[in-house]
Amino acid sequence: MLPDDPIKAIAVVVVLIGLVLLAGSALFLFAPRREDVPVPTDHRAAPRRRVLKMAKIEFGGIEIDCLVRNLSATGAAIEVTSPLQCPIAFVLAIPSEGSVRHCHVVWRKGKRIGVKFN
């Protein structure tokens, strides 16, 4: 039953809402956690390491600047300003490593491109 004074009624409602929120928080904190949920695994052939290296995509006498975001022995994820300019197969040159690798595109997502080394 609510009190006749409107300010007291509002105070009672605020307290009740606080109690409901407190009870919900307690249930969330103390609820049993599911340990049997499988964790997604990485199916890459080789582990990749995060890098931030300038590189060039070379094909048909054309060079396009790009950024290598991660790298492994079998492939890389690169970022380009315009993914439409990137062909399906090209040479990826990473000057800081002195590496030149022939590769082909295996996925595209926005400005990111995943490549596999030939």
PDB file of N, CA and C in Angstrom:
ATOM      1  N   MET A   1       0.839  -1.159   0.000  1.00  0.00           N
ATOM      2  CA  MET A   1       0.000   0.000   0.000  1.00  0.00           C
ATOM      3  C   MET A   1       0.899   1.241   0.000  1.00  0.00           C
ATOM      4  N   LEU A   2       0.614   2.190  -0.892  1.00  0.00           N
ATOM      5  CA  LEU A   2       1.413   3.404  -1.025  1.00  0.00           C
ATOM      6  C   LEU A   2       0.948   4.465  -0.033  1.00  0.00           C
ATOM      7  N   PRO A   3       1.863   5.276   0.513  1.00  0.00           N
ATOM      8  CA  PRO A   3       1.487   6.375   1.417  1.00  0.00           C
ATOM      9  C   PRO A   3       0.722   7.463   0.675  1.00  0.00           C
ATOM     10  N   ASP A   4      -0.009   8.294   1.422  1.00  0.00           N
ATOM     11  CA  ASP A   4      -0.797   9.380   0.830  1.00  0.00           C
ATOM     12  C   ASP A   4       0.078  10.515   0.320  1.00  0.00           C
ATOM     13  N   ASP A   5       1.221  10.735   0.928  1.00  0.00           N
ATOM     14  CA  ASP A   5       2.132  11.808   0.517  1.00  0.00           C
ATOM     15  C   ASP A   5       2.820  11.394  -0.788  1.00  0.00           C
ATOM     16  N   PRO A   6       2.704  12.204  -1.887  1.00  0.00           N
ATOM     17  CA  PRO A   6       3.294  11.822  -3.176  1.00  0.00           C
ATOM     18  C   PRO A   6       4.810  11.654  -3.115  1.00  0.00           C
ATOM     19  N   ILE A   7       5.497  12.421  -2.317  1.00  0.00           N
ATOM     20  CA  ILE A   7       6.956  12.304  -2.225  1.00  0.00           C
ATOM     21  C   ILE A   7       7.329  10.982  -1.565  1.00  0.00           C
ATOM     22  N   LYS A   8       6.579  10.595  -0.538  1.00  0.00           N
ATOM     23  CA  LYS A   8       6.843   9.309   0.106  1.00  0.00           C
ATOM     24  C   LYS A   8       6.524   8.161  -0.849  1.00  0.00           C
ATOM     25  N   ALA A   9       5.481   8.326  -1.656  1.00  0.00           N
ATOM     26  CA  ALA A   9       5.116   7.294  -2.632  1.00  0.00           C
ATOM     27  C   ALA A   9       6.233   7.116  -3.658  1.00  0.00           C
ATOM     28  N   ILE A  10       6.791   8.220  -4.137  1.00  0.00           N
ATOM     29  CA  ILE A  10       7.897   8.148  -5.103  1.00  0.00           C
ATOM     30  C   ILE A  10       9.105   7.480  -4.459  1.00  0.00           C
ATOM     31  N   ALA A  11       9.373   7.813  -3.196  1.00  0.00           N
ATOM     32  CA  ALA A  11      10.512   7.215  -2.494  1.00  0.00           C
ATOM     33  C   ALA A  11      10.326   5.700  -2.375  1.00  0.00           C
ATOM     34  N   VAL A  12       9.111   5.259  -2.063  1.00  0.00           N
ATOM     35  CA  VAL A  12       8.835   3.831  -1.949  1.00  0.00           C
ATOM     36  C   VAL A  12       9.044   3.139  -3.293  1.00  0.00           C
ATOM     37  N   VAL A  13       8.575   3.742  -4.379  1.00  0.00           N
ATOM     38  CA  VAL A  13       8.740   3.169  -5.720  1.00  0.00           C
ATOM     39  C   VAL A  13      10.217   3.073  -6.074  1.00  0.00           C
ATOM     40  N   VAL A  14      10.991   4.125  -5.783  1.00  0.00           N
ATOM     41  CA  VAL A  14      12.426   4.121  -6.078  1.00  0.00           C
ATOM     42  C   VAL A  14      13.128   3.021  -5.291  1.00  0.00           C
ATOM     43  N   VAL A  15      12.771   2.855  -4.029  1.00  0.00           N
ATOM     44  CA  VAL A  15      13.374   1.810  -3.211  1.00  0.00           C
ATOM     45  C   VAL A  15      13.020   0.427  -3.772  1.00  0.00           C
ATOM     46  N   LEU A  16      11.770   0.238  -4.165  1.00  0.00           N
ATOM     47  CA  LEU A  16      11.360  -1.055  -4.732  1.00  0.00           C
ATOM     48  C   LEU A  16      12.112  -1.359  -6.031  1.00  0.00           C
ATOM     49  N   ILE A  17      12.257  -0.355  -6.880  1.00  0.00           N
ATOM     50  CA  ILE A  17      13.010  -0.556  -8.125  1.00  0.00           C
ATOM     51  C   ILE A  17      14.462  -0.914  -7.802  1.00  0.00           C
ATOM     52  N   GLY A  18      15.039  -0.223  -6.822  1.00  0.00           N
ATOM     53  CA  GLY A  18      16.410  -0.530  -6.407  1.00  0.00           C
ATOM     54  C   GLY A  18      16.545  -1.955  -5.915  1.00  0.00           C
ATOM     55  N   LEU A  19      15.574  -2.429  -5.155  1.00  0.00           N
ATOM     56  CA  LEU A  19      15.610  -3.805  -4.651  1.00  0.00           C
ATOM     57  C   LEU A  19      15.514  -4.822  -5.794  1.00  0.00           C
ATOM     58  N   VAL A  20      14.665  -4.527  -6.763  1.00  0.00           N
ATOM     59  CA  VAL A  20      14.538  -5.429  -7.918  1.00  0.00           C
ATOM     60  C   VAL A  20      15.859  -5.481  -8.681  1.00  0.00           C
ATOM     61  N   LEU A  21      16.483  -4.328  -8.900  1.00  0.00           N
ATOM     62  CA  LEU A  21      17.766  -4.295  -9.603  1.00  0.00           C
ATOM     63  C   LEU A  21      18.853  -5.020  -8.817  1.00  0.00           C
ATOM     64  N   LEU A  22      18.850  -4.851  -7.513  1.00  0.00           N
ATOM     65  CA  LEU A  22      19.820  -5.523  -6.654  1.00  0.00           C
ATOM     66  C   LEU A  22      19.649  -7.038  -6.724  1.00  0.00           C
ATOM     67  N   ALA A  23      18.407  -7.488  -6.661  1.00  0.00           N
ATOM     68  CA  ALA A  23      18.142  -8.928  -6.741  1.00  0.00           C
ATOM     69  C   ALA A  23      18.572  -9.478  -8.103  1.00  0.00           C
ATOM     70  N   GLY A  24      18.290  -8.734  -9.169  1.00  0.00           N
ATOM     71  CA  GLY A  24      18.700  -9.182 -10.508  1.00  0.00           C
ATOM     72  C   GLY A  24      20.212  -9.266 -10.639  1.00  0.00           C
ATOM     73  N   SER A  25      20.913  -8.306 -10.060  1.00  0.00           N
ATOM     74  CA  SER A  25      22.378  -8.318 -10.093  1.00  0.00           C
ATOM     75  C   SER A  25      22.921  -9.514  -9.324  1.00  0.00           C
ATOM     76  N   ALA A  26      22.328  -9.796  -8.174  1.00  0.00           N
ATOM     77  CA  ALA A  26      22.782 -10.931  -7.373  1.00  0.00           C
ATOM     78  C   ALA A  26      22.570 -12.230  -8.132  1.00  0.00           C
ATOM     79  N   LEU A  27      21.438 -12.366  -8.796  1.00  0.00           N
ATOM     80  CA  LEU A  27      21.196 -13.575  -9.579  1.00  0.00           C
ATOM     81  C   LEU A  27      22.224 -13.720 -10.697  1.00  0.00           C
ATOM     82  N   PHE A  28      22.558 -12.615 -11.340  1.00  0.00           N
ATOM     83  CA  PHE A  28      23.531 -12.659 -12.423  1.00  0.00           C
ATOM     84  C   PHE A  28      24.910 -13.036 -11.900  1.00  0.00           C
ATOM     85  N   LEU A  29      25.296 -12.468 -10.751  1.00  0.00           N
ATOM     86  CA  LEU A  29      26.625 -12.727 -10.206  1.00  0.00           C
ATOM     87  C   LEU A  29      26.788 -14.148  -9.694  1.00  0.00           C
ATOM     88  N   PHE A  30      25.741 -14.672  -9.083  1.00  0.00           N
ATOM     89  CA  PHE A  30      25.858 -15.971  -8.448  1.00  0.00           C
ATOM     90  C   PHE A  30      25.252 -17.114  -9.259  1.00  0.00           C
ATOM     91  N   ALA A  31      24.803 -16.825 -10.457  1.00  0.00           N
ATOM     92  CA  ALA A  31      24.245 -17.884 -11.300  1.00  0.00           C
ATOM     93  C   ALA A  31      25.366 -18.823 -11.734  1.00  0.00           C
ATOM     94  N   PRO A  32      25.084 -20.111 -11.827  1.00  0.00           N
ATOM     95  CA  PRO A  32      26.131 -21.041 -12.271  1.00  0.00           C
ATOM     96  C   PRO A  32      26.534 -20.740 -13.715  1.00  0.00           C
ATOM     97  N   ARG A  33      27.806 -20.840 -13.977  1.00  0.00           N
ATOM     98  CA  ARG A  33      28.318 -20.564 -15.325  1.00  0.00           C
ATOM     99  C   ARG A  33      28.443 -21.858 -16.094  1.00  0.00           C
ATOM    100  N   ARG A  34      28.156 -21.769 -17.386  1.00  0.00           N
ATOM    101  CA  ARG A  34      28.246 -22.963 -18.227  1.00  0.00           C
ATOM    102  C   ARG A  34      29.678 -23.140 -18.688  1.00  0.00           C
ATOM    103  N   GLU A  35      30.313 -24.162 -18.207  1.00  0.00           N
ATOM    104  CA  GLU A  35      31.701 -24.451 -18.580  1.00  0.00           C
ATOM    105  C   GLU A  35      31.766 -25.367 -19.795  1.00  0.00           C
ATOM    106  N   ASP A  36      30.618 -25.933 -20.182  1.00  0.00           N
ATOM    107  CA  ASP A  36      30.620 -26.889 -21.283  1.00  0.00           C
ATOM    108  C   ASP A  36      30.432 -26.237 -22.648  1.00  0.00           C
ATOM    109  N   VAL A  37      30.402 -24.916 -22.707  1.00  0.00           N
ATOM    110  CA  VAL A  37      30.227 -24.235 -23.984  1.00  0.00           C
ATOM    111  C   VAL A  37      31.546 -24.296 -24.742  1.00  0.00           C
ATOM    112  N   PRO A  38      31.544 -24.852 -25.957  1.00  0.00           N
ATOM    113  CA  PRO A  38      32.806 -24.984 -26.691  1.00  0.00           C
ATOM    114  C   PRO A  38      33.343 -23.624 -27.120  1.00  0.00           C
ATOM    115  N   VAL A  39      34.649 -23.491 -27.064  1.00  0.00           N
ATOM    116  CA  VAL A  39      35.323 -22.275 -27.493  1.00  0.00           C
ATOM    117  C   VAL A  39      35.715 -22.452 -28.960  1.00  0.00           C
ATOM    118  N   PRO A  40      35.418 -21.462 -29.826  1.00  0.00           N
ATOM    119  CA  PRO A  40      35.797 -21.608 -31.218  1.00  0.00           C
ATOM    120  C   PRO A  40      37.309 -21.751 -31.356  1.00  0.00           C
ATOM    121  N   THR A  41      37.727 -22.615 -32.253  1.00  0.00           N
ATOM    122  CA  THR A  41      39.148 -22.830 -32.464  1.00  0.00           C
ATOM    123  C   THR A  41      39.577 -22.205 -33.770  1.00  0.00           C
ATOM    124  N   ASP A  42      40.844 -21.907 -33.849  1.00  0.00           N
ATOM    125  CA  ASP A  42      41.429 -21.302 -35.030  1.00  0.00           C
ATOM    126  C   ASP A  42      41.884 -22.415 -35.959  1.00  0.00           C
ATOM    127  N   HIS A  43      41.370 -22.437 -37.174  1.00  0.00           N
ATOM    128  CA  HIS A  43      41.684 -23.521 -38.102  1.00  0.00           C
ATOM    129  C   HIS A  43      42.766 -23.145 -39.103  1.00  0.00           C
ATOM    130  N   ARG A  44      43.547 -22.141 -38.824  1.00  0.00           N
ATOM    131  CA  ARG A  44      44.614 -21.742 -39.736  1.00  0.00           C
ATOM    132  C   ARG A  44      45.706 -22.798 -39.757  1.00  0.00           C
ATOM    133  N   ALA A  45      46.375 -22.885 -40.912  1.00  0.00           N
ATOM    134  CA  ALA A  45      47.455 -23.858 -41.058  1.00  0.00           C
ATOM    135  C   ALA A  45      48.664 -23.486 -40.210  1.00  0.00           C
ATOM    136  N   ALA A  46      48.871 -22.192 -39.976  1.00  0.00           N
ATOM    137  CA  ALA A  46      50.005 -21.728 -39.166  1.00  0.00           C
ATOM    138  C   ALA A  46      49.533 -20.574 -38.294  1.00  0.00           C
ATOM    139  N   PRO A  47      50.074 -20.449 -37.085  1.00  0.00           N
ATOM    140  CA  PRO A  47      49.657 -19.345 -36.221  1.00  0.00           C
ATOM    141  C   PRO A  47      50.088 -17.997 -36.800  1.00  0.00           C
ATOM    142  N   ARG A  48      49.201 -17.018 -36.676  1.00  0.00           N
ATOM    143  CA  ARG A  48      49.517 -15.685 -37.176  1.00  0.00           C
ATOM    144  C   ARG A  48      49.919 -14.791 -36.024  1.00  0.00           C
ATOM    145  N   ARG A  49      50.779 -13.833 -36.343  1.00  0.00           N
ATOM    146  CA  ARG A  49      51.169 -12.851 -35.340  1.00  0.00           C
ATOM    147  C   ARG A  49      50.747 -11.474 -35.824  1.00  0.00           C
ATOM    148  N   ARG A  50      50.318 -10.649 -34.896  1.00  0.00           N
ATOM    149  CA  ARG A  50      49.899  -9.293 -35.243  1.00  0.00           C
ATOM    150  C   ARG A  50      51.124  -8.459 -35.590  1.00  0.00           C
ATOM    151  N   VAL A  51      51.011  -7.746 -36.682  1.00  0.00           N
ATOM    152  CA  VAL A  51      52.079  -6.843 -37.104  1.00  0.00           C
ATOM    153  C   VAL A  51      51.437  -5.574 -37.642  1.00  0.00           C
ATOM    154  N   LEU A  52      52.240  -4.591 -37.899  1.00  0.00           N
ATOM    155  CA  LEU A  52      51.778  -3.357 -38.515  1.00  0.00           C
ATOM    156  C   LEU A  52      52.914  -2.905 -39.419  1.00  0.00           C
ATOM    157  N   LYS A  53      52.919  -3.443 -40.658  1.00  0.00           N
ATOM    158  CA  LYS A  53      54.025  -3.198 -41.568  1.00  0.00           C
ATOM    159  C   LYS A  53      53.519  -2.666 -42.895  1.00  0.00           C
ATOM    160  N   MET A  54      54.222  -1.674 -43.387  1.00  0.00           N
ATOM    161  CA  MET A  54      53.911  -1.156 -44.718  1.00  0.00           C
ATOM    162  C   MET A  54      54.358  -2.190 -45.748  1.00  0.00           C
ATOM    163  N   ALA A  55      53.553  -2.321 -46.804  1.00  0.00           N
ATOM    164  CA  ALA A  55      53.878  -3.289 -47.858  1.00  0.00           C
ATOM    165  C   ALA A  55      53.344  -2.761 -49.178  1.00  0.00           C
ATOM    166  N   LYS A  56      53.642  -3.508 -50.240  1.00  0.00           N
ATOM    167  CA  LYS A  56      53.159  -3.146 -51.566  1.00  0.00           C
ATOM    168  C   LYS A  56      52.568  -4.372 -52.247  1.00  0.00           C
ATOM    169  N   ILE A  57      51.443  -4.144 -52.911  1.00  0.00           N
ATOM    170  CA  ILE A  57      50.839  -5.160 -53.771  1.00  0.00           C
ATOM    171  C   ILE A  57      51.345  -4.863 -55.173  1.00  0.00           C
ATOM    172  N   GLU A  58      51.982  -5.846 -55.798  1.00  0.00           N
ATOM    173  CA  GLU A  58      52.557  -5.633 -57.122  1.00  0.00           C
ATOM    174  C   GLU A  58      51.926  -6.600 -58.125  1.00  0.00           C
ATOM    175  N   PHE A  59      51.461  -6.037 -59.241  1.00  0.00           N
ATOM    176  CA  PHE A  59      50.909  -6.857 -60.320  1.00  0.00           C
ATOM    177  C   PHE A  59      50.931  -6.053 -61.613  1.00  0.00           C
ATOM    178  N   GLY A  60      51.331  -6.674 -62.696  1.00  0.00           N
ATOM    179  CA  GLY A  60      51.306  -6.043 -64.017  1.00  0.00           C
ATOM    180  C   GLY A  60      51.995  -4.693 -64.063  1.00  0.00           C
ATOM    181  N   GLY A  61      53.105  -4.521 -63.339  1.00  0.00           N
ATOM    182  CA  GLY A  61      53.815  -3.258 -63.332  1.00  0.00           C
ATOM    183  C   GLY A  61      53.168  -2.186 -62.475  1.00  0.00           C
ATOM    184  N   ILE A  62      52.111  -2.513 -61.760  1.00  0.00           N
ATOM    185  CA  ILE A  62      51.408  -1.567 -60.879  1.00  0.00           C
ATOM    186  C   ILE A  62      51.753  -1.899 -59.435  1.00  0.00           C
ATOM    187  N   GLU A  63      51.906  -0.856 -58.609  1.00  0.00           N
ATOM    188  CA  GLU A  63      52.139  -1.034 -57.181  1.00  0.00           C
ATOM    189  C   GLU A  63      51.059  -0.306 -56.388  1.00  0.00           C
ATOM    190  N   ILE A  64      50.502  -0.997 -55.385  1.00  0.00           N
ATOM    191  CA  ILE A  64      49.494  -0.405 -54.508  1.00  0.00           C
ATOM    192  C   ILE A  64      50.006  -0.524 -53.082  1.00  0.00           C
ATOM    193  N   ASP A  65      50.026   0.586 -52.356  1.00  0.00           N
ATOM    194  CA  ASP A  65      50.435   0.555 -50.956  1.00  0.00           C
ATOM    195  C   ASP A  65      49.383  -0.164 -50.119  1.00  0.00           C
ATOM    196  N   CYS A  66      49.852  -0.906 -49.135  1.00  0.00           N
ATOM    197  CA  CYS A  66      48.936  -1.582 -48.214  1.00  0.00           C
ATOM    198  C   CYS A  66      49.607  -1.699 -46.856  1.00  0.00           C
ATOM    199  N   LEU A  67      48.855  -2.214 -45.902  1.00  0.00           N
ATOM    200  CA  LEU A  67      49.327  -2.383 -44.541  1.00  0.00           C
ATOM    201  C   LEU A  67      49.092  -3.831 -44.143  1.00  0.00           C
ATOM    202  N   VAL A  68      50.148  -4.512 -43.707  1.00  0.00           N
ATOM    203  CA  VAL A  68      50.017  -5.897 -43.248  1.00  0.00           C
ATOM    204  C   VAL A  68      49.602  -5.846 -41.785  1.00  0.00           C
ATOM    205  N   ARG A  69      48.461  -6.470 -41.465  1.00  0.00           N
ATOM    206  CA  ARG A  69      47.913  -6.453 -40.101  1.00  0.00           C
ATOM    207  C   ARG A  69      48.298  -7.692 -39.304  1.00  0.00           C
ATOM    208  N   ASN A  70      48.331  -8.852 -39.966  1.00  0.00           N
ATOM    209  CA  ASN A  70      48.859 -10.048 -39.317  1.00  0.00           C
ATOM    210  C   ASN A  70      49.521 -10.922 -40.365  1.00  0.00           C
ATOM    211  N   LEU A  71      50.409 -11.790 -39.904  1.00  0.00           N
ATOM    212  CA  LEU A  71      51.301 -12.492 -40.810  1.00  0.00           C
ATOM    213  C   LEU A  71      51.613 -13.870 -40.250  1.00  0.00           C
ATOM    214  N   SER A  72      51.719 -14.857 -41.132  1.00  0.00           N
ATOM    215  CA  SER A  72      52.155 -16.199 -40.734  1.00  0.00           C
ATOM    216  C   SER A  72      53.013 -16.756 -41.855  1.00  0.00           C
ATOM    217  N   ALA A  73      53.451 -17.982 -41.686  1.00  0.00           N
ATOM    218  CA  ALA A  73      54.251 -18.631 -42.721  1.00  0.00           C
ATOM    219  C   ALA A  73      53.407 -18.951 -43.949  1.00  0.00           C
ATOM    220  N   THR A  74      52.082 -19.031 -43.790  1.00  0.00           N
ATOM    221  CA  THR A  74      51.218 -19.444 -44.906  1.00  0.00           C
ATOM    222  C   THR A  74      50.344 -18.342 -45.479  1.00  0.00           C
ATOM    223  N   GLY A  75      50.250 -17.178 -44.793  1.00  0.00           N
ATOM    224  CA  GLY A  75      49.376 -16.135 -45.314  1.00  0.00           C
ATOM    225  C   GLY A  75      49.438 -14.867 -44.490  1.00  0.00           C
ATOM    226  N   ALA A  76      48.553 -13.939 -44.836  1.00  0.00           N
ATOM    227  CA  ALA A  76      48.540 -12.644 -44.157  1.00  0.00           C
ATOM    228  C   ALA A  76      47.166 -12.009 -44.282  1.00  0.00           C
ATOM    229  N   ALA A  77      46.910 -11.036 -43.420  1.00  0.00           N
ATOM    230  CA  ALA A  77      45.739 -10.173 -43.551  1.00  0.00           C
ATOM    231  C   ALA A  77      46.285  -8.785 -43.833  1.00  0.00           C
ATOM    232  N   ILE A  78      45.811  -8.196 -44.915  1.00  0.00           N
ATOM    233  CA  ILE A  78      46.300  -6.881 -45.306  1.00  0.00           C
ATOM    234  C   ILE A  78      45.140  -5.904 -45.373  1.00  0.00           C
ATOM    235  N   GLU A  79      45.467  -4.629 -45.312  1.00  0.00           N
ATOM    236  CA  GLU A  79      44.455  -3.580 -45.393  1.00  0.00           C
ATOM    237  C   GLU A  79      44.844  -2.641 -46.526  1.00  0.00           C
ATOM    238  N   VAL A  80      43.874  -2.334 -47.385  1.00  0.00           N
ATOM    239  CA  VAL A  80      44.103  -1.458 -48.529  1.00  0.00           C
ATOM    240  C   VAL A  80      43.117  -0.293 -48.477  1.00  0.00           C
ATOM    241  N   THR A  81      43.431   0.775 -49.199  1.00  0.00           N
ATOM    242  CA  THR A  81      42.509   1.914 -49.209  1.00  0.00           C
ATOM    243  C   THR A  81      41.296   1.625 -50.070  1.00  0.00           C
ATOM    244  N   SER A  82      41.496   0.874 -51.171  1.00  0.00           N
ATOM    245  CA  SER A  82      40.382   0.519 -52.048  1.00  0.00           C
ATOM    246  C   SER A  82      40.500  -0.949 -52.441  1.00  0.00           C
ATOM    247  N   PRO A  83      39.673  -1.805 -51.860  1.00  0.00           N
ATOM    248  CA  PRO A  83      39.777  -3.233 -52.162  1.00  0.00           C
ATOM    249  C   PRO A  83      39.432  -3.576 -53.607  1.00  0.00           C
ATOM    250  N   LEU A  84      38.776  -2.673 -54.316  1.00  0.00           N
ATOM    251  CA  LEU A  84      38.404  -2.952 -55.702  1.00  0.00           C
ATOM    252  C   LEU A  84      39.609  -2.973 -56.624  1.00  0.00           C
ATOM    253  N   GLN A  85      40.693  -2.296 -56.239  1.00  0.00           N
ATOM    254  CA  GLN A  85      41.887  -2.257 -57.068  1.00  0.00           C
ATOM    255  C   GLN A  85      42.712  -3.524 -56.964  1.00  0.00           C
ATOM    256  N   CYS A  86      42.478  -4.338 -55.965  1.00  0.00           N
ATOM    257  CA  CYS A  86      43.318  -5.499 -55.685  1.00  0.00           C
ATOM    258  C   CYS A  86      42.896  -6.698 -56.535  1.00  0.00           C
ATOM    259  N   PRO A  87      43.827  -7.264 -57.312  1.00  0.00           N
ATOM    260  CA  PRO A  87      43.498  -8.436 -58.122  1.00  0.00           C
ATOM    261  C   PRO A  87      43.413  -9.706 -57.270  1.00  0.00           C
ATOM    262  N   ILE A  88      43.070 -10.812 -57.894  1.00  0.00           N
ATOM    263  CA  ILE A  88      42.931 -12.079 -57.172  1.00  0.00           C
ATOM    264  C   ILE A  88      44.293 -12.670 -56.811  1.00  0.00           C
ATOM    265  N   ALA A  89      45.285 -12.486 -57.667  1.00  0.00           N
ATOM    266  CA  ALA A  89      46.638 -12.989 -57.405  1.00  0.00           C
ATOM    267  C   ALA A  89      47.633 -11.855 -57.634  1.00  0.00           C
ATOM    268  N   PHE A  90      48.644 -11.787 -56.776  1.00  0.00           N
ATOM    269  CA  PHE A  90      49.630 -10.713 -56.884  1.00  0.00           C
ATOM    270  C   PHE A  90      50.865 -11.066 -56.069  1.00  0.00           C
ATOM    271  N   VAL A  91      51.850 -10.171 -56.101  1.00  0.00           N
ATOM    272  CA  VAL A  91      53.056 -10.303 -55.293  1.00  0.00           C
ATOM    273  C   VAL A  91      52.929  -9.327 -54.123  1.00  0.00           C
ATOM    274  N   LEU A  92      53.173  -9.817 -52.915  1.00  0.00           N
ATOM    275  CA  LEU A  92      53.148  -8.977 -51.722  1.00  0.00           C
ATOM    276  C   LEU A  92      54.591  -8.739 -51.303  1.00  0.00           C
ATOM    277  N   ALA A  93      55.026  -7.486 -51.378  1.00  0.00           N
ATOM    278  CA  ALA A  93      56.397  -7.130 -51.002  1.00  0.00           C
ATOM    279  C   ALA A  93      56.370  -6.387 -49.669  1.00  0.00           C
ATOM    280  N   ILE A  94      57.129  -6.904 -48.702  1.00  0.00           N
ATOM    281  CA  ILE A  94      57.239  -6.268 -47.385  1.00  0.00           C
ATOM    282  C   ILE A  94      58.691  -5.819 -47.220  1.00  0.00           C
ATOM    283  N   PRO A  95      58.988  -4.568 -47.546  1.00  0.00           N
ATOM    284  CA  PRO A  95      60.373  -4.094 -47.527  1.00  0.00           C
ATOM    285  C   PRO A  95      61.076  -4.233 -46.178  1.00  0.00           C
ATOM    286  N   SER A  96      60.374  -4.019 -45.071  1.00  0.00           N
ATOM    287  CA  SER A  96      61.020  -4.095 -43.752  1.00  0.00           C
ATOM    288  C   SER A  96      61.529  -5.500 -43.434  1.00  0.00           C
ATOM    289  N   GLU A  97      60.940  -6.503 -44.066  1.00  0.00           N
ATOM    290  CA  GLU A  97      61.382  -7.886 -43.867  1.00  0.00           C
ATOM    291  C   GLU A  97      62.236  -8.372 -45.029  1.00  0.00           C
ATOM    292  N   GLY A  98      62.280  -7.578 -46.097  1.00  0.00           N
ATOM    293  CA  GLY A  98      62.988  -8.013 -47.302  1.00  0.00           C
ATOM    294  C   GLY A  98      62.303  -9.197 -47.954  1.00  0.00           C
ATOM    295  N   SER A  99      60.984  -9.304 -47.757  1.00  0.00           N
ATOM    296  CA  SER A  99      60.272 -10.463 -48.286  1.00  0.00           C
ATOM    297  C   SER A  99      59.405 -10.091 -49.480  1.00  0.00           C
ATOM    298  N   VAL A 100      59.391 -10.976 -50.454  1.00  0.00           N
ATOM    299  CA  VAL A 100      58.554 -10.851 -51.647  1.00  0.00           C
ATOM    300  C   VAL A 100      57.862 -12.196 -51.804  1.00  0.00           C
ATOM    301  N   ARG A 101      56.523 -12.214 -51.679  1.00  0.00           N
ATOM    302  CA  ARG A 101      55.781 -13.479 -51.702  1.00  0.00           C
ATOM    303  C   ARG A 101      54.669 -13.421 -52.731  1.00  0.00           C
ATOM    304  N   HIS A 102      54.558 -14.453 -53.549  1.00  0.00           N
ATOM    305  CA  HIS A 102      53.418 -14.598 -54.458  1.00  0.00           C
ATOM    306  C   HIS A 102      52.251 -15.101 -53.621  1.00  0.00           C
ATOM    307  N   CYS A 103      51.073 -14.534 -53.838  1.00  0.00           N
ATOM    308  CA  CYS A 103      49.923 -14.924 -53.032  1.00  0.00           C
ATOM    309  C   CYS A 103      48.634 -14.775 -53.827  1.00  0.00           C
ATOM    310  N   HIS A 104      47.556 -15.296 -53.247  1.00  0.00           N
ATOM    311  CA  HIS A 104      46.222 -15.136 -53.840  1.00  0.00           C
ATOM    312  C   HIS A 104      45.213 -14.852 -52.728  1.00  0.00           C
ATOM    313  N   VAL A 105      44.157 -14.159 -53.101  1.00  0.00           N
ATOM    314  CA  VAL A 105      43.130 -13.729 -52.149  1.00  0.00           C
ATOM    315  C   VAL A 105      42.252 -14.915 -51.765  1.00  0.00           C
ATOM    316  N   VAL A 106      42.014 -15.070 -50.459  1.00  0.00           N
ATOM    317  CA  VAL A 106      41.113 -16.125 -49.985  1.00  0.00           C
ATOM    318  C   VAL A 106      39.850 -15.545 -49.351  1.00  0.00           C
ATOM    319  N   TRP A 107      39.894 -14.299 -48.897  1.00  0.00           N
ATOM    320  CA  TRP A 107      38.692 -13.636 -48.384  1.00  0.00           C
ATOM    321  C   TRP A 107      38.864 -12.125 -48.462  1.00  0.00           C
ATOM    322  N   ARG A 108      37.726 -11.427 -48.485  1.00  0.00           N
ATOM    323  CA  ARG A 108      37.681  -9.965 -48.482  1.00  0.00           C
ATOM    324  C   ARG A 108      36.581  -9.530 -47.527  1.00  0.00           C
ATOM    325  N   LYS A 109      36.865  -8.514 -46.732  1.00  0.00           N
ATOM    326  CA  LYS A 109      35.860  -7.948 -45.839  1.00  0.00           C
ATOM    327  C   LYS A 109      36.169  -6.467 -45.675  1.00  0.00           C
ATOM    328  N   GLY A 110      35.405  -5.638 -46.347  1.00  0.00           N
ATOM    329  CA  GLY A 110      35.659  -4.204 -46.317  1.00  0.00           C
ATOM    330  C   GLY A 110      37.009  -3.898 -46.935  1.00  0.00           C
ATOM    331  N   LYS A 111      37.841  -3.214 -46.174  1.00  0.00           N
ATOM    332  CA  LYS A 111      39.175  -2.868 -46.656  1.00  0.00           C
ATOM    333  C   LYS A 111      40.221  -3.925 -46.319  1.00  0.00           C
ATOM    334  N   ARG A 112      39.797  -4.991 -45.643  1.00  0.00           N
ATOM    335  CA  ARG A 112      40.720  -6.068 -45.267  1.00  0.00           C
ATOM    336  C   ARG A 112      40.666  -7.193 -46.299  1.00  0.00           C
ATOM    337  N   ILE A 113      41.822  -7.762 -46.541  1.00  0.00           N
ATOM    338  CA  ILE A 113      41.944  -8.862 -47.505  1.00  0.00           C
ATOM    339  C   ILE A 113      42.818  -9.934 -46.874  1.00  0.00           C
ATOM    340  N   GLY A 114      42.344 -11.179 -46.918  1.00  0.00           N
ATOM    341  CA  GLY A 114      43.131 -12.302 -46.441  1.00  0.00           C
ATOM    342  C   GLY A 114      43.779 -12.985 -47.639  1.00  0.00           C
ATOM    343  N   VAL A 115      45.087 -13.217 -47.533  1.00  0.00           N
ATOM    344  CA  VAL A 115      45.801 -13.856 -48.637  1.00  0.00           C
ATOM    345  C   VAL A 115      46.518 -15.103 -48.149  1.00  0.00           C
ATOM    346  N   LYS A 116      46.682 -16.031 -49.069  1.00  0.00           N
ATOM    347  CA  LYS A 116      47.443 -17.245 -48.797  1.00  0.00           C
ATOM    348  C   LYS A 116      48.654 -17.210 -49.707  1.00  0.00           C
ATOM    349  N   PHE A 117      49.806 -17.526 -49.136  1.00  0.00           N
ATOM    350  CA  PHE A 117      51.016 -17.521 -49.926  1.00  0.00           C
ATOM    351  C   PHE A 117      51.075 -18.776 -50.801  1.00  0.00           C
ATOM    352  N   ASN A 118      51.527 -18.585 -52.048  1.00  0.00           N
ATOM    353  CA  ASN A 118      51.633 -19.731 -52.986  1.00  0.00           C
ATOM    354  C   ASN A 118      52.884 -20.532 -52.679  1.00  0.00           C
TER     355      ASN A 118
END
